[in-house]
Amino acid sequence: MTVWRKTRGWLYETFDRDVDPAELAGCSDIARMWREKSGDRPAPAWADYQFREFAGWHDRISLADVSYNPFNLRYRLVGTKLSARLGKDYTGMSYSELVASGLDPVDDFEFYEMICSKMLISRVSGDLRWAGTTPVSVTFVEFPLCDGGDRATHILGVML
């Protein structure tokens, strides 16, 4: 595990793809499944999964499509508990739209572009602070997915 940055009350960590799933406490079962589906590839493809394999997690996962030049994410799927915690359903939204609306910080682009380009697993934790509400602690673990090539084509996210 490598600490990439600590800023604004958030901790950004990265993990090599061969991390022991036990190091990803709270989602070691998904980490084991991700590793098994990777086989000898850098990362599994989204097509390697069946949605039913996420039983018990459906409401806390997200799937984002990754694009490059310029880098961006578009959230294809955001679980209901995840949306409730975020205070908004991000399904169908791009990361650049979230930044433009002030919901997410622009400097996160650097982090997400790095983990997608290097196909690293990430863990991001901190407090969500919405105007007039008590901060809510949250942790996200994100796994790269790849339909071929040497960069992530999707990110599978899990809220712990």
Foldseek 3Di string as FASTA:
>chain_A
DAFPDQPPFKTKDWDQLPDQLVVVPPPSVVSVVFNVQCVPHRTAAPVSDDQCVCVVFQQFKWKWFWDVPPTKTQTQDHHNVRCVQLVHDRHGPMPVVCCVVVSDPPVVSVVVVVCQQQQIKMKMWGWRDDPPDDTDIKIKIWGFHPPDDRGGRMIMIGID
